[in-house]
Amino acid sequence: MTQAYSDPTREDDLYSLPDVEVFYLSSDNQVNLLSGWYWWTCFPGCLPDGDPDGPYDTEEEALDAAQDI
């Protein structure tokens, strides 16, 4: 699972935390979602703020979508 910033300009801010997680789900995960890359807003150590957004074909596409909010 990749943690990232929804606003990449905040990466150098010492007081900001990553607020997006990007992850892959497959049919092996036994969830009611299609296989693919997903993202959701989530601070480190906290539960997600909502349902995952996706699926996307690549991790890069999912991250681009998360940073386009």
C-alpha atoms as a PDB file:
ATOM      1  CA  MET A   1       0.000   0.000   0.000  1.00  0.00           C
ATOM      2  CA  THR A   2       1.411   3.338  -1.079  1.00  0.00           C
ATOM      3  CA  GLN A   3       0.832   6.470   0.990  1.00  0.00           C
ATOM      4  CA  ALA A   4       0.890   9.770  -0.877  1.00  0.00           C
ATOM      5  CA  TYR A   5      -0.244  13.380  -0.689  1.00  0.00           C
ATOM      6  CA  SER A   6      -3.418  14.508  -2.435  1.00  0.00           C
ATOM      7  CA  ASP A   7      -1.584  17.824  -2.896  1.00  0.00           C
ATOM      8  CA  PRO A   8       2.012  17.007  -3.960  1.00  0.00           C
ATOM      9  CA  THR A   9       3.183  20.522  -3.023  1.00  0.00           C
ATOM     10  CA  ARG A  10       2.758  19.561   0.659  1.00  0.00           C
ATOM     11  CA  GLU A  11       5.378  16.780   0.503  1.00  0.00           C
ATOM     12  CA  ASP A  12       8.139  19.114   1.725  1.00  0.00           C
ATOM     13  CA  ASP A  13       6.045  20.547   4.577  1.00  0.00           C
ATOM     14  CA  LEU A  14       7.454  19.105   7.812  1.00  0.00           C
ATOM     15  CA  TYR A  15       4.038  19.354   9.480  1.00  0.00           C
ATOM     16  CA  SER A  16       1.928  17.596   6.849  1.00  0.00           C
ATOM     17  CA  LEU A  17       1.126  13.898   6.588  1.00  0.00           C
ATOM     18  CA  PRO A  18       0.266  11.765   3.569  1.00  0.00           C
ATOM     19  CA  ASP A  19      -3.515  11.664   3.231  1.00  0.00           C
ATOM     20  CA  VAL A  20      -4.063   9.164   0.391  1.00  0.00           C
ATOM     21  CA  GLU A  21      -3.497   5.412   0.162  1.00  0.00           C
ATOM     22  CA  VAL A  22      -3.192   3.640  -3.186  1.00  0.00           C
ATOM     23  CA  PHE A  23      -3.560  -0.136  -3.220  1.00  0.00           C
ATOM     24  CA  TYR A  24      -4.307  -3.137  -5.421  1.00  0.00           C
ATOM     25  CA  LEU A  25      -7.236  -5.492  -4.905  1.00  0.00           C
ATOM     26  CA  SER A  26      -7.504  -8.824  -6.680  1.00  0.00           C
ATOM     27  CA  SER A  27     -10.183 -11.485  -6.768  1.00  0.00           C
ATOM     28  CA  ASP A  28      -8.121 -13.293  -4.099  1.00  0.00           C
ATOM     29  CA  ASN A  29      -9.084 -10.573  -1.595  1.00  0.00           C
ATOM     30  CA  GLN A  30     -12.692 -11.846  -1.625  1.00  0.00           C
ATOM     31  CA  VAL A  31     -14.286  -8.417  -1.638  1.00  0.00           C
ATOM     32  CA  ASN A  32     -17.209  -7.216  -3.719  1.00  0.00           C
ATOM     33  CA  LEU A  33     -15.015  -4.994  -5.886  1.00  0.00           C
ATOM     34  CA  LEU A  34     -13.433  -5.547  -9.283  1.00  0.00           C
ATOM     35  CA  SER A  35      -9.718  -6.309  -9.481  1.00  0.00           C
ATOM     36  CA  GLY A  36      -7.531  -3.263  -9.995  1.00  0.00           C
ATOM     37  CA  TRP A  37      -5.867  -0.276  -8.364  1.00  0.00           C
ATOM     38  CA  TYR A  38      -7.865   1.840  -5.901  1.00  0.00           C
ATOM     39  CA  TRP A  39      -7.304   4.884  -3.699  1.00  0.00           C
ATOM     40  CA  TRP A  40      -8.974   6.394  -0.674  1.00  0.00           C
ATOM     41  CA  THR A  41      -8.311   9.263   1.678  1.00  0.00           C
ATOM     42  CA  CYS A  42      -6.716   8.079   4.887  1.00  0.00           C
ATOM     43  CA  PHE A  43      -4.199   9.519   7.345  1.00  0.00           C
ATOM     44  CA  PRO A  44      -1.486   7.182   8.674  1.00  0.00           C
ATOM     45  CA  GLY A  45      -2.804   5.046  11.529  1.00  0.00           C
ATOM     46  CA  CYS A  46      -6.424   6.021  10.875  1.00  0.00           C
ATOM     47  CA  LEU A  47      -9.359   4.320   9.220  1.00  0.00           C
ATOM     48  CA  PRO A  48     -10.240   5.398   5.663  1.00  0.00           C
ATOM     49  CA  ASP A  49     -12.597   8.352   5.271  1.00  0.00           C
ATOM     50  CA  GLY A  50     -14.844   6.522   2.808  1.00  0.00           C
ATOM     51  CA  ASP A  51     -15.145   3.852   0.169  1.00  0.00           C
ATOM     52  CA  PRO A  52     -12.284   3.180  -2.243  1.00  0.00           C
ATOM     53  CA  ASP A  53     -12.311   4.909  -5.627  1.00  0.00           C
ATOM     54  CA  GLY A  54     -11.500   2.745  -8.631  1.00  0.00           C
ATOM     55  CA  PRO A  55     -10.626   0.393 -10.166  1.00  0.00           C
ATOM     56  CA  TYR A  56      -7.808   1.835 -12.264  1.00  0.00           C
ATOM     57  CA  ASP A  57      -5.517  -0.103 -14.590  1.00  0.00           C
ATOM     58  CA  THR A  58      -2.279   1.117 -13.003  1.00  0.00           C
ATOM     59  CA  GLU A  59      -1.029   2.496  -9.707  1.00  0.00           C
ATOM     60  CA  GLU A  60      -0.042   5.697 -11.502  1.00  0.00           C
ATOM     61  CA  GLU A  61      -3.591   6.214 -12.823  1.00  0.00           C
ATOM     62  CA  ALA A  62      -5.026   5.749  -9.328  1.00  0.00           C
ATOM     63  CA  LEU A  63      -2.536   8.213  -7.832  1.00  0.00           C
ATOM     64  CA  ASP A  64      -3.227  10.749 -10.595  1.00  0.00           C
ATOM     65  CA  ALA A  65      -6.956  10.481  -9.864  1.00  0.00           C
ATOM     66  CA  ALA A  66      -6.359  10.955  -6.129  1.00  0.00           C
ATOM     67  CA  GLN A  67      -4.273  14.059  -6.762  1.00  0.00           C
ATOM     68  CA  ASP A  68      -6.904  15.466  -9.109  1.00  0.00           C
ATOM     69  CA  ILE A  69      -9.517  15.991  -6.378  1.00  0.00           C
END
